[in-house]
Amino acid sequence: MNLDAITTGAFQEICYIVWGKAKRALVLDPGQDAPLIFQALEKHGLEVEAYICTHGHADHINALAEVHAKHPAPVAMHSGDWSWAFGDMNQIEPHYPVPRRPDVEDALRLESAKDWTFSDLKFQCLETPGHTPGSCCILFPEGRIMIAGDTLFKGSCGRTDLPGGSPRQLKDSLNKLKQLPDEVRVFPGHGPDTTVGIERATNFFMH
């Protein structure tokens, strides 16, 4: 399993591209700077198998429509965020306008199944609401890698003071992540990667 991390936009959101031997990639959270994502796909010789959105905030999906237009593929997002992600409430001016909806009839609902397979990639969807109602973490068990969105950061966690945020739900979600093996590598939506073991031992919000 291969992973490329691309830092995008004013908030330095991280878009992850994940692929296996088949060279069919998952693009997770294309936040902004579509040309950087195109360059990474071309550099690695990849076709897009699907787009996976850990949550719906504008800094994580503003490039989705542009990248999707050039590389059409299914889009997966939790219904708790798909319902508002492309509306007027989801903008962070002046950095992120309201995201354009990709040209798909509908999204694949991440909550509809725990286990997902795209090409030769298998992942589990862990529902982790709190930062947003539909926040999810994407766990690749074979590689012991988790794309955490804005649920868990190195030494911190996602904010809950935005519309739809819930401190109680986020606490429950972090308790769920604490049950994962220590060696699972955590790749958050912003900042450096870490491991579940390190965060369990040192992250105040995991206690």
N, C-alpha and C. Protein backbone atom coordinates (compact mmCIF):
# COMPACT_ATOMS: atom_id res chain seq x y z
N MET A 1 0.85 -1.19 0.00
CA MET A 1 0.00 0.00 0.00
C MET A 1 0.88 1.24 0.00
N ASN A 2 0.50 2.22 -0.83
CA ASN A 2 1.28 3.44 -0.98
C ASN A 2 0.42 4.65 -0.58
N LEU A 3 1.08 5.69 -0.09
CA LEU A 3 0.38 6.89 0.36
C LEU A 3 1.19 8.12 0.00
N ASP A 4 0.51 9.11 -0.58
CA ASP A 4 1.13 10.41 -0.85
C ASP A 4 0.28 11.46 -0.16
N ALA A 5 0.94 12.36 0.58
CA ALA A 5 0.26 13.42 1.32
C ALA A 5 0.53 14.75 0.62
N ILE A 6 -0.54 15.47 0.27
CA ILE A 6 -0.42 16.73 -0.46
C ILE A 6 -1.04 17.83 0.38
N THR A 7 -0.23 18.78 0.81
CA THR A 7 -0.72 19.90 1.61
C THR A 7 -1.35 20.94 0.70
N THR A 8 -2.59 21.33 1.01
CA THR A 8 -3.34 22.22 0.13
C THR A 8 -3.93 23.39 0.90
N GLY A 9 -4.08 24.51 0.20
CA GLY A 9 -4.89 25.61 0.68
C GLY A 9 -4.33 26.41 1.83
N ALA A 10 -5.08 27.46 2.18
CA ALA A 10 -4.65 28.40 3.22
C ALA A 10 -4.54 27.75 4.59
N PHE A 11 -5.37 26.74 4.85
CA PHE A 11 -5.36 26.07 6.15
C PHE A 11 -4.44 24.86 6.19
N GLN A 12 -3.66 24.66 5.13
CA GLN A 12 -2.72 23.55 5.03
C GLN A 12 -3.40 22.21 5.31
N GLU A 13 -4.56 22.06 4.69
CA GLU A 13 -5.28 20.78 4.75
C GLU A 13 -4.50 19.75 3.94
N ILE A 14 -4.56 18.51 4.37
CA ILE A 14 -3.80 17.45 3.69
C ILE A 14 -4.75 16.53 2.93
N CYS A 15 -4.53 16.48 1.62
CA CYS A 15 -5.20 15.52 0.75
C CYS A 15 -4.32 14.28 0.65
N TYR A 16 -4.89 13.11 0.85
CA TYR A 16 -4.14 11.87 0.77
C TYR A 16 -4.54 11.08 -0.47
N ILE A 17 -3.55 10.56 -1.15
CA ILE A 17 -3.77 9.64 -2.26
C ILE A 17 -3.22 8.28 -1.85
N VAL A 18 -4.06 7.27 -1.92
CA VAL A 18 -3.69 5.92 -1.47
C VAL A 18 -3.88 4.96 -2.64
N TRP A 19 -2.92 4.08 -2.86
CA TRP A 19 -3.05 3.11 -3.95
C TRP A 19 -2.26 1.84 -3.65
N GLY A 20 -2.59 0.78 -4.38
CA GLY A 20 -1.90 -0.50 -4.27
C GLY A 20 -1.24 -0.87 -5.58
N LYS A 21 -1.05 -2.17 -5.79
CA LYS A 21 -0.36 -2.63 -6.99
C LYS A 21 -1.15 -2.32 -8.26
N ALA A 22 -2.46 -2.20 -8.16
CA ALA A 22 -3.29 -2.01 -9.34
C ALA A 22 -3.21 -0.59 -9.90
N LYS A 23 -2.59 0.32 -9.17
CA LYS A 23 -2.46 1.72 -9.61
C LYS A 23 -3.82 2.40 -9.75
N ARG A 24 -4.81 1.92 -9.00
CA ARG A 24 -6.13 2.53 -8.94
C ARG A 24 -6.24 3.20 -7.57
N ALA A 25 -6.33 4.52 -7.56
CA ALA A 25 -6.12 5.28 -6.32
C ALA A 25 -7.44 5.74 -5.69
N LEU A 26 -7.40 5.87 -4.38
CA LEU A 26 -8.41 6.60 -3.63
C LEU A 26 -7.85 7.98 -3.33
N VAL A 27 -8.65 9.00 -3.61
CA VAL A 27 -8.27 10.38 -3.29
C VAL A 27 -9.13 10.81 -2.11
N LEU A 28 -8.48 11.08 -0.99
CA LEU A 28 -9.18 11.42 0.24
C LEU A 28 -9.03 12.90 0.54
N ASP A 29 -10.16 13.59 0.66
CA ASP A 29 -10.22 14.99 1.06
C ASP A 29 -9.44 15.93 0.13
N PRO A 30 -9.85 16.04 -1.14
CA PRO A 30 -9.21 17.01 -2.03
C PRO A 30 -9.66 18.43 -1.67
N GLY A 31 -8.89 19.09 -0.82
CA GLY A 31 -9.33 20.33 -0.22
C GLY A 31 -9.21 21.55 -1.09
N GLN A 32 -8.10 21.70 -1.79
CA GLN A 32 -7.87 22.84 -2.66
C GLN A 32 -6.66 22.51 -3.54
N ASP A 33 -6.23 23.48 -4.35
CA ASP A 33 -5.03 23.30 -5.18
C ASP A 33 -5.12 22.06 -6.05
N ALA A 34 -6.17 21.98 -6.86
CA ALA A 34 -6.35 20.83 -7.75
C ALA A 34 -5.13 20.52 -8.61
N PRO A 35 -4.39 21.54 -9.13
CA PRO A 35 -3.21 21.21 -9.94
C PRO A 35 -2.17 20.36 -9.20
N LEU A 36 -2.03 20.56 -7.90
CA LEU A 36 -1.09 19.73 -7.13
C LEU A 36 -1.56 18.28 -7.09
N ILE A 37 -2.85 18.08 -7.00
CA ILE A 37 -3.41 16.72 -6.98
C ILE A 37 -3.24 16.07 -8.34
N PHE A 38 -3.49 16.83 -9.41
CA PHE A 38 -3.27 16.31 -10.76
C PHE A 38 -1.82 15.89 -10.95
N GLN A 39 -0.88 16.72 -10.48
CA GLN A 39 0.54 16.41 -10.62
C GLN A 39 0.90 15.11 -9.90
N ALA A 40 0.35 14.92 -8.70
CA ALA A 40 0.65 13.71 -7.94
C ALA A 40 0.11 12.47 -8.65
N LEU A 41 -1.10 12.55 -9.16
CA LEU A 41 -1.68 11.42 -9.88
C LEU A 41 -0.84 11.07 -11.11
N GLU A 42 -0.41 12.09 -11.83
CA GLU A 42 0.39 11.86 -13.02
C GLU A 42 1.77 11.30 -12.66
N LYS A 43 2.37 11.85 -11.63
CA LYS A 43 3.70 11.40 -11.21
C LYS A 43 3.71 9.92 -10.89
N HIS A 44 2.66 9.44 -10.24
CA HIS A 44 2.61 8.04 -9.82
C HIS A 44 1.92 7.15 -10.87
N GLY A 45 1.45 7.74 -11.96
CA GLY A 45 0.78 6.95 -12.99
C GLY A 45 -0.52 6.33 -12.53
N LEU A 46 -1.37 7.12 -11.86
CA LEU A 46 -2.56 6.58 -11.21
C LEU A 46 -3.84 6.99 -11.93
N GLU A 47 -4.82 6.08 -11.87
CA GLU A 47 -6.20 6.39 -12.22
C GLU A 47 -6.99 6.48 -10.91
N VAL A 48 -8.00 7.34 -10.89
CA VAL A 48 -8.80 7.51 -9.67
C VAL A 48 -9.91 6.46 -9.63
N GLU A 49 -9.93 5.69 -8.56
CA GLU A 49 -10.97 4.69 -8.35
C GLU A 49 -12.17 5.28 -7.61
N ALA A 50 -11.91 6.18 -6.65
CA ALA A 50 -13.00 6.80 -5.89
C ALA A 50 -12.45 7.98 -5.10
N TYR A 51 -13.37 8.86 -4.72
CA TYR A 51 -13.07 9.97 -3.82
C TYR A 51 -13.73 9.70 -2.48
N ILE A 52 -12.95 9.78 -1.42
CA ILE A 52 -13.47 9.52 -0.07
C ILE A 52 -13.33 10.79 0.75
N CYS A 53 -14.43 11.24 1.33
CA CYS A 53 -14.43 12.48 2.12
C CYS A 53 -14.64 12.15 3.59
N THR A 54 -13.65 12.47 4.41
CA THR A 54 -13.78 12.18 5.84
C THR A 54 -14.85 13.04 6.49
N HIS A 55 -15.06 14.24 5.96
CA HIS A 55 -16.16 15.10 6.40
C HIS A 55 -16.35 16.20 5.37
N GLY A 56 -17.33 17.08 5.61
CA GLY A 56 -17.75 17.99 4.56
C GLY A 56 -17.24 19.41 4.62
N HIS A 57 -16.39 19.76 5.56
CA HIS A 57 -15.96 21.16 5.65
C HIS A 57 -15.27 21.63 4.38
N ALA A 58 -15.45 22.92 4.08
CA ALA A 58 -14.99 23.49 2.81
C ALA A 58 -13.50 23.30 2.57
N ASP A 59 -12.70 23.36 3.62
CA ASP A 59 -11.24 23.22 3.41
C ASP A 59 -10.83 21.81 3.06
N HIS A 60 -11.77 20.85 3.14
CA HIS A 60 -11.47 19.46 2.79
C HIS A 60 -12.08 19.03 1.45
N ILE A 61 -12.98 19.83 0.88
CA ILE A 61 -13.66 19.38 -0.34
C ILE A 61 -13.71 20.44 -1.44
N ASN A 62 -12.99 21.55 -1.29
CA ASN A 62 -13.15 22.63 -2.27
C ASN A 62 -12.62 22.27 -3.65
N ALA A 63 -11.70 21.33 -3.75
CA ALA A 63 -11.19 20.91 -5.06
C ALA A 63 -11.90 19.68 -5.60
N LEU A 64 -12.87 19.16 -4.86
CA LEU A 64 -13.49 17.89 -5.26
C LEU A 64 -14.12 17.97 -6.65
N ALA A 65 -14.92 19.00 -6.92
CA ALA A 65 -15.60 19.09 -8.21
C ALA A 65 -14.60 19.23 -9.36
N GLU A 66 -13.54 20.03 -9.15
CA GLU A 66 -12.56 20.23 -10.21
C GLU A 66 -11.78 18.96 -10.51
N VAL A 67 -11.35 18.27 -9.47
CA VAL A 67 -10.59 17.03 -9.69
C VAL A 67 -11.51 15.97 -10.29
N HIS A 68 -12.74 15.90 -9.79
CA HIS A 68 -13.70 14.92 -10.29
C HIS A 68 -14.01 15.14 -11.76
N ALA A 69 -14.08 16.40 -12.21
CA ALA A 69 -14.39 16.69 -13.60
C ALA A 69 -13.33 16.13 -14.54
N LYS A 70 -12.07 16.14 -14.10
CA LYS A 70 -10.98 15.61 -14.93
C LYS A 70 -10.82 14.12 -14.75
N HIS A 71 -11.11 13.61 -13.56
CA HIS A 71 -10.96 12.18 -13.26
C HIS A 71 -12.27 11.67 -12.64
N PRO A 72 -13.31 11.46 -13.42
CA PRO A 72 -14.60 11.03 -12.86
C PRO A 72 -14.49 9.68 -12.14
N ALA A 73 -15.14 9.60 -10.99
CA ALA A 73 -15.16 8.38 -10.19
C ALA A 73 -16.22 8.57 -9.10
N PRO A 74 -16.66 7.49 -8.46
CA PRO A 74 -17.64 7.62 -7.38
C PRO A 74 -17.11 8.49 -6.24
N VAL A 75 -18.05 9.16 -5.57
CA VAL A 75 -17.74 10.00 -4.42
C VAL A 75 -18.43 9.42 -3.19
N ALA A 76 -17.69 9.26 -2.10
CA ALA A 76 -18.25 8.71 -0.87
C ALA A 76 -18.13 9.72 0.26
N MET A 77 -19.24 9.95 0.94
CA MET A 77 -19.29 10.85 2.09
C MET A 77 -20.44 10.41 2.98
N HIS A 78 -20.33 10.65 4.25
CA HIS A 78 -21.41 10.33 5.19
C HIS A 78 -22.61 11.24 4.89
N SER A 79 -23.81 10.67 4.96
CA SER A 79 -25.01 11.45 4.65
C SER A 79 -25.21 12.61 5.63
N GLY A 80 -24.65 12.48 6.84
CA GLY A 80 -24.77 13.56 7.82
C GLY A 80 -24.06 14.83 7.39
N ASP A 81 -23.11 14.72 6.46
CA ASP A 81 -22.41 15.90 5.94
C ASP A 81 -22.80 16.21 4.50
N TRP A 82 -23.11 15.19 3.70
CA TRP A 82 -23.50 15.42 2.31
C TRP A 82 -24.70 16.36 2.24
N SER A 83 -25.56 16.34 3.23
CA SER A 83 -26.79 17.12 3.21
C SER A 83 -26.54 18.62 3.25
N TRP A 84 -25.38 19.06 3.75
CA TRP A 84 -25.11 20.50 3.85
C TRP A 84 -23.79 20.94 3.21
N ALA A 85 -22.97 20.02 2.76
CA ALA A 85 -21.60 20.33 2.36
C ALA A 85 -21.51 21.29 1.18
N PHE A 86 -22.52 21.36 0.35
CA PHE A 86 -22.46 22.19 -0.85
C PHE A 86 -23.45 23.35 -0.78
N GLY A 87 -23.79 23.74 0.45
CA GLY A 87 -24.71 24.85 0.67
C GLY A 87 -24.00 26.10 1.17
N ASP A 88 -24.76 27.18 1.25
CA ASP A 88 -24.18 28.48 1.59
C ASP A 88 -23.53 28.53 2.96
N MET A 89 -23.97 27.68 3.88
CA MET A 89 -23.38 27.71 5.23
C MET A 89 -21.95 27.20 5.25
N ASN A 90 -21.53 26.50 4.19
CA ASN A 90 -20.22 25.85 4.20
C ASN A 90 -19.23 26.66 3.37
N GLN A 91 -18.78 27.76 3.95
CA GLN A 91 -17.76 28.57 3.30
C GLN A 91 -16.91 29.22 4.38
N ILE A 92 -15.65 29.45 4.04
CA ILE A 92 -14.71 30.06 4.98
C ILE A 92 -14.04 31.20 4.22
N GLU A 93 -14.75 32.30 4.12
CA GLU A 93 -14.23 33.45 3.37
C GLU A 93 -13.11 34.14 4.16
N PRO A 94 -12.09 34.67 3.45
CA PRO A 94 -11.96 34.74 1.99
C PRO A 94 -11.24 33.52 1.39
N HIS A 95 -10.94 32.51 2.20
CA HIS A 95 -10.06 31.44 1.73
C HIS A 95 -10.80 30.35 0.95
N TYR A 96 -12.01 30.02 1.38
CA TYR A 96 -12.72 28.89 0.77
C TYR A 96 -14.16 29.30 0.46
N PRO A 97 -14.51 29.41 -0.82
CA PRO A 97 -15.90 29.68 -1.17
C PRO A 97 -16.76 28.42 -0.95
N VAL A 98 -18.06 28.57 -1.17
CA VAL A 98 -18.94 27.40 -1.08
C VAL A 98 -18.46 26.35 -2.08
N PRO A 99 -18.22 25.13 -1.65
CA PRO A 99 -17.74 24.10 -2.59
C PRO A 99 -18.76 23.80 -3.68
N ARG A 100 -18.27 23.57 -4.89
CA ARG A 100 -19.14 23.13 -5.98
C ARG A 100 -19.43 21.64 -5.81
N ARG A 101 -20.65 21.27 -6.08
CA ARG A 101 -21.02 19.86 -6.01
C ARG A 101 -20.43 19.12 -7.21
N PRO A 102 -19.78 17.99 -7.02
CA PRO A 102 -19.28 17.22 -8.17
C PRO A 102 -20.45 16.70 -8.99
N ASP A 103 -20.18 16.41 -10.25
CA ASP A 103 -21.22 15.97 -11.17
C ASP A 103 -21.49 14.48 -10.97
N VAL A 104 -22.14 14.18 -9.86
CA VAL A 104 -22.59 12.82 -9.57
C VAL A 104 -24.06 12.87 -9.20
N GLU A 105 -24.78 11.80 -9.51
CA GLU A 105 -26.20 11.77 -9.18
C GLU A 105 -26.40 11.77 -7.68
N ASP A 106 -25.54 11.05 -6.98
CA ASP A 106 -25.61 11.00 -5.53
C ASP A 106 -24.28 10.44 -5.02
N ALA A 107 -24.05 10.61 -3.73
CA ALA A 107 -22.83 10.08 -3.13
C ALA A 107 -23.07 8.67 -2.61
N LEU A 108 -21.99 7.89 -2.53
CA LEU A 108 -22.02 6.66 -1.76
C LEU A 108 -22.01 7.04 -0.29
N ARG A 109 -22.90 6.46 0.47
CA ARG A 109 -23.02 6.83 1.89
C ARG A 109 -22.04 6.00 2.71
N LEU A 110 -21.05 6.64 3.29
CA LEU A 110 -20.03 5.90 4.02
C LEU A 110 -20.61 5.09 5.17
N GLU A 111 -21.69 5.59 5.77
CA GLU A 111 -22.25 4.88 6.92
C GLU A 111 -23.03 3.64 6.51
N SER A 112 -23.22 3.43 5.21
CA SER A 112 -24.03 2.30 4.75
C SER A 112 -23.31 0.96 4.91
N ALA A 113 -22.00 1.00 5.12
CA ALA A 113 -21.24 -0.24 5.31
C ALA A 113 -19.99 0.08 6.12
N LYS A 114 -19.54 -0.90 6.91
CA LYS A 114 -18.27 -0.73 7.63
C LYS A 114 -17.10 -1.08 6.73
N ASP A 115 -17.24 -2.15 5.96
CA ASP A 115 -16.13 -2.63 5.13
C ASP A 115 -16.36 -2.25 3.67
N TRP A 116 -15.31 -1.66 3.07
CA TRP A 116 -15.38 -1.19 1.69
C TRP A 116 -14.21 -1.75 0.90
N THR A 117 -14.45 -2.03 -0.38
CA THR A 117 -13.39 -2.48 -1.28
C THR A 117 -13.48 -1.69 -2.58
N PHE A 118 -12.38 -1.08 -2.96
CA PHE A 118 -12.25 -0.41 -4.24
C PHE A 118 -10.97 -0.94 -4.89
N SER A 119 -11.11 -1.60 -6.04
CA SER A 119 -9.97 -2.22 -6.71
C SER A 119 -9.28 -3.15 -5.72
N ASP A 120 -7.97 -2.97 -5.48
CA ASP A 120 -7.27 -3.83 -4.53
C ASP A 120 -7.07 -3.17 -3.17
N LEU A 121 -7.89 -2.18 -2.87
CA LEU A 121 -7.81 -1.48 -1.59
C LEU A 121 -9.03 -1.80 -0.74
N LYS A 122 -8.79 -2.16 0.50
CA LYS A 122 -9.86 -2.46 1.44
C LYS A 122 -9.72 -1.52 2.64
N PHE A 123 -10.84 -0.92 3.05
CA PHE A 123 -10.79 -0.09 4.24
C PHE A 123 -12.07 -0.24 5.05
N GLN A 124 -11.99 0.19 6.29
CA GLN A 124 -13.14 0.21 7.18
C GLN A 124 -13.51 1.66 7.46
N CYS A 125 -14.79 1.93 7.45
CA CYS A 125 -15.29 3.25 7.81
C CYS A 125 -15.65 3.25 9.29
N LEU A 126 -14.98 4.11 10.05
CA LEU A 126 -15.28 4.28 11.47
C LEU A 126 -16.05 5.60 11.61
N GLU A 127 -17.30 5.53 12.00
CA GLU A 127 -18.08 6.75 12.19
C GLU A 127 -17.61 7.45 13.47
N THR A 128 -17.14 8.69 13.32
CA THR A 128 -16.57 9.43 14.46
C THR A 128 -17.14 10.84 14.50
N PRO A 129 -18.44 10.99 14.74
CA PRO A 129 -19.04 12.33 14.78
C PRO A 129 -18.50 13.15 15.95
N GLY A 130 -18.69 14.43 15.84
CA GLY A 130 -18.25 15.35 16.89
C GLY A 130 -17.71 16.62 16.28
N HIS A 131 -16.74 16.49 15.38
CA HIS A 131 -16.26 17.66 14.63
C HIS A 131 -17.34 18.11 13.66
N THR A 132 -17.93 17.17 12.96
CA THR A 132 -19.15 17.37 12.18
C THR A 132 -20.05 16.17 12.42
N PRO A 133 -21.34 16.27 12.08
CA PRO A 133 -22.23 15.13 12.30
C PRO A 133 -21.82 13.87 11.55
N GLY A 134 -21.21 14.04 10.37
CA GLY A 134 -20.86 12.89 9.55
C GLY A 134 -19.39 12.59 9.47
N SER A 135 -18.60 13.07 10.40
CA SER A 135 -17.16 12.79 10.37
C SER A 135 -16.89 11.29 10.44
N CYS A 136 -15.92 10.84 9.65
CA CYS A 136 -15.51 9.44 9.64
C CYS A 136 -13.99 9.35 9.60
N CYS A 137 -13.46 8.28 10.16
CA CYS A 137 -12.05 7.93 10.00
C CYS A 137 -11.98 6.71 9.08
N ILE A 138 -10.99 6.71 8.22
CA ILE A 138 -10.85 5.66 7.21
C ILE A 138 -9.66 4.79 7.59
N LEU A 139 -9.93 3.55 7.98
CA LEU A 139 -8.90 2.64 8.49
C LEU A 139 -8.58 1.58 7.45
N PHE A 140 -7.31 1.50 7.07
CA PHE A 140 -6.83 0.45 6.17
C PHE A 140 -6.14 -0.61 7.04
N PRO A 141 -6.85 -1.68 7.41
CA PRO A 141 -6.31 -2.64 8.38
C PRO A 141 -5.02 -3.31 7.93
N GLU A 142 -4.90 -3.65 6.63
CA GLU A 142 -3.71 -4.35 6.18
C GLU A 142 -2.46 -3.50 6.31
N GLY A 143 -2.59 -2.20 6.05
CA GLY A 143 -1.44 -1.32 6.18
C GLY A 143 -1.33 -0.68 7.54
N ARG A 144 -2.33 -0.92 8.41
CA ARG A 144 -2.39 -0.30 9.74
C ARG A 144 -2.22 1.21 9.63
N ILE A 145 -3.01 1.78 8.73
CA ILE A 145 -3.01 3.21 8.46
C ILE A 145 -4.44 3.73 8.61
N MET A 146 -4.57 4.89 9.25
CA MET A 146 -5.88 5.52 9.39
C MET A 146 -5.80 6.97 8.94
N ILE A 147 -6.69 7.35 8.02
CA ILE A 147 -6.87 8.74 7.63
C ILE A 147 -7.95 9.30 8.54
N ALA A 148 -7.55 10.24 9.40
CA ALA A 148 -8.42 10.64 10.51
C ALA A 148 -9.22 11.90 10.28
N GLY A 149 -9.06 12.56 9.11
CA GLY A 149 -9.77 13.81 8.92
C GLY A 149 -9.44 14.79 10.02
N ASP A 150 -10.48 15.45 10.55
CA ASP A 150 -10.26 16.40 11.65
C ASP A 150 -10.78 15.86 12.98
N THR A 151 -10.88 14.54 13.10
CA THR A 151 -11.29 13.96 14.38
C THR A 151 -10.13 13.94 15.37
N LEU A 152 -8.96 13.51 14.93
CA LEU A 152 -7.81 13.35 15.82
C LEU A 152 -6.57 13.93 15.15
N PHE A 153 -5.85 14.78 15.91
CA PHE A 153 -4.58 15.34 15.47
C PHE A 153 -3.48 14.90 16.42
N LYS A 154 -2.25 15.12 16.03
CA LYS A 154 -1.12 14.88 16.93
C LYS A 154 -1.23 15.87 18.08
N GLY A 155 -1.50 15.37 19.28
CA GLY A 155 -1.60 16.20 20.47
C GLY A 155 -2.88 16.98 20.61
N SER A 156 -3.84 16.78 19.74
CA SER A 156 -5.07 17.56 19.80
C SER A 156 -6.21 16.80 19.15
N CYS A 157 -7.32 17.50 18.92
CA CYS A 157 -8.48 16.89 18.26
C CYS A 157 -9.26 17.98 17.56
N GLY A 158 -10.28 17.59 16.84
CA GLY A 158 -11.06 18.55 16.07
C GLY A 158 -11.88 19.47 16.95
N ARG A 159 -12.10 20.68 16.46
CA ARG A 159 -12.91 21.65 17.20
C ARG A 159 -14.38 21.25 17.11
N THR A 160 -15.15 21.70 18.09
CA THR A 160 -16.57 21.34 18.14
C THR A 160 -17.47 22.56 18.22
N ASP A 161 -16.90 23.76 18.01
CA ASP A 161 -17.68 24.99 18.16
C ASP A 161 -18.28 25.49 16.84
N LEU A 162 -18.13 24.70 15.77
CA LEU A 162 -18.75 25.04 14.50
C LEU A 162 -20.12 24.39 14.41
N PRO A 163 -21.01 24.87 13.51
CA PRO A 163 -22.34 24.27 13.40
C PRO A 163 -22.27 22.75 13.20
N GLY A 164 -23.04 22.04 14.00
CA GLY A 164 -23.06 20.59 13.92
C GLY A 164 -22.05 19.90 14.80
N GLY A 165 -21.15 20.67 15.43
CA GLY A 165 -20.17 20.06 16.32
C GLY A 165 -20.78 19.65 17.64
N SER A 166 -20.16 18.65 18.28
CA SER A 166 -20.69 18.14 19.55
C SER A 166 -19.54 17.63 20.41
N PRO A 167 -19.22 18.31 21.52
CA PRO A 167 -18.16 17.81 22.41
C PRO A 167 -18.43 16.40 22.92
N ARG A 168 -19.68 16.11 23.25
CA ARG A 168 -19.99 14.78 23.78
C ARG A 168 -19.74 13.71 22.73
N GLN A 169 -20.19 13.96 21.51
CA GLN A 169 -19.97 12.98 20.44
C GLN A 169 -18.49 12.81 20.14
N LEU A 170 -17.75 13.91 20.15
CA LEU A 170 -16.33 13.79 19.87
C LEU A 170 -15.62 12.98 20.95
N LYS A 171 -16.00 13.18 22.20
CA LYS A 171 -15.42 12.39 23.28
C LYS A 171 -15.68 10.90 23.05
N ASP A 172 -16.91 10.55 22.67
CA ASP A 172 -17.23 9.15 22.39
C ASP A 172 -16.41 8.62 21.21
N SER A 173 -16.23 9.47 20.20
CA SER A 173 -15.46 9.05 19.03
C SER A 173 -14.00 8.81 19.38
N LEU A 174 -13.42 9.68 20.20
CA LEU A 174 -12.03 9.49 20.60
C LEU A 174 -11.88 8.23 21.45
N ASN A 175 -12.88 7.94 22.28
CA ASN A 175 -12.84 6.70 23.05
C ASN A 175 -12.87 5.48 22.13
N LYS A 176 -13.60 5.57 21.03
CA LYS A 176 -13.62 4.49 20.05
C LYS A 176 -12.24 4.30 19.43
N LEU A 177 -11.57 5.40 19.08
CA LEU A 177 -10.25 5.31 18.46
C LEU A 177 -9.21 4.78 19.43
N LYS A 178 -9.40 5.00 20.71
CA LYS A 178 -8.47 4.48 21.72
C LYS A 178 -8.40 2.96 21.72
N GLN A 179 -9.41 2.31 21.19
CA GLN A 179 -9.45 0.85 21.20
C GLN A 179 -8.61 0.24 20.07
N LEU A 180 -8.14 1.05 19.15
CA LEU A 180 -7.34 0.54 18.04
C LEU A 180 -5.94 0.16 18.51
N PRO A 181 -5.25 -0.71 17.81
CA PRO A 181 -3.89 -1.10 18.21
C PRO A 181 -2.93 0.08 18.22
N ASP A 182 -1.95 0.03 19.13
CA ASP A 182 -0.98 1.11 19.28
C ASP A 182 -0.28 1.46 17.98
N GLU A 183 0.00 0.46 17.16
CA GLU A 183 0.85 0.68 16.00
C GLU A 183 0.12 1.30 14.80
N VAL A 184 -1.19 1.49 14.89
CA VAL A 184 -1.91 2.12 13.78
C VAL A 184 -1.40 3.55 13.59
N ARG A 185 -0.93 3.84 12.38
CA ARG A 185 -0.45 5.19 12.07
C ARG A 185 -1.63 6.09 11.73
N VAL A 186 -1.62 7.27 12.31
CA VAL A 186 -2.72 8.21 12.15
C VAL A 186 -2.25 9.35 11.25
N PHE A 187 -2.97 9.55 10.15
CA PHE A 187 -2.68 10.64 9.22
C PHE A 187 -3.85 11.62 9.29
N PRO A 188 -3.66 12.74 9.99
CA PRO A 188 -4.77 13.68 10.20
C PRO A 188 -4.96 14.64 9.04
N GLY A 189 -6.03 15.41 9.11
CA GLY A 189 -6.33 16.37 8.07
C GLY A 189 -5.45 17.60 8.07
N HIS A 190 -4.75 17.81 9.16
CA HIS A 190 -3.81 18.93 9.28
C HIS A 190 -2.67 18.48 10.19
N GLY A 191 -1.46 18.87 9.86
CA GLY A 191 -0.34 18.60 10.75
C GLY A 191 0.30 17.25 10.56
N PRO A 192 1.28 16.93 11.43
CA PRO A 192 2.08 15.71 11.26
C PRO A 192 1.32 14.45 11.61
N ASP A 193 1.81 13.32 11.08
CA ASP A 193 1.21 12.03 11.42
C ASP A 193 1.69 11.58 12.79
N THR A 194 1.04 10.58 13.33
CA THR A 194 1.34 10.08 14.67
C THR A 194 0.89 8.63 14.72
N THR A 195 0.74 8.07 15.90
CA THR A 195 0.20 6.72 16.06
C THR A 195 -0.86 6.73 17.15
N VAL A 196 -1.70 5.72 17.13
CA VAL A 196 -2.72 5.60 18.18
C VAL A 196 -2.05 5.46 19.55
N GLY A 197 -0.96 4.69 19.62
CA GLY A 197 -0.27 4.50 20.90
C GLY A 197 0.27 5.79 21.47
N ILE A 198 0.88 6.60 20.62
CA ILE A 198 1.42 7.89 21.09
C ILE A 198 0.29 8.78 21.59
N GLU A 199 -0.81 8.84 20.85
CA GLU A 199 -1.90 9.72 21.25
C GLU A 199 -2.60 9.21 22.50
N ARG A 200 -2.74 7.91 22.64
CA ARG A 200 -3.34 7.37 23.85
C ARG A 200 -2.51 7.75 25.09
N ALA A 201 -1.19 7.77 24.92
CA ALA A 201 -0.29 8.04 26.05
C ALA A 201 -0.11 9.52 26.34
N THR A 202 -0.21 10.37 25.31
CA THR A 202 0.21 11.77 25.48
C THR A 202 -0.86 12.82 25.18
N ASN A 203 -1.90 12.45 24.48
CA ASN A 203 -2.89 13.43 24.04
C ASN A 203 -3.93 13.63 25.15
N PHE A 204 -3.99 14.86 25.68
CA PHE A 204 -4.93 15.19 26.76
C PHE A 204 -6.35 14.78 26.41
N PHE A 205 -6.75 14.98 25.15
CA PHE A 205 -8.13 14.74 24.75
C PHE A 205 -8.46 13.26 24.62
N MET A 206 -7.44 12.40 24.68
CA MET A 206 -7.67 10.96 24.65
C MET A 206 -7.79 10.39 26.06
N HIS A 207 -7.61 11.21 27.07
CA HIS A 207 -7.65 10.72 28.45
C HIS A 207 -9.06 10.82 29.02
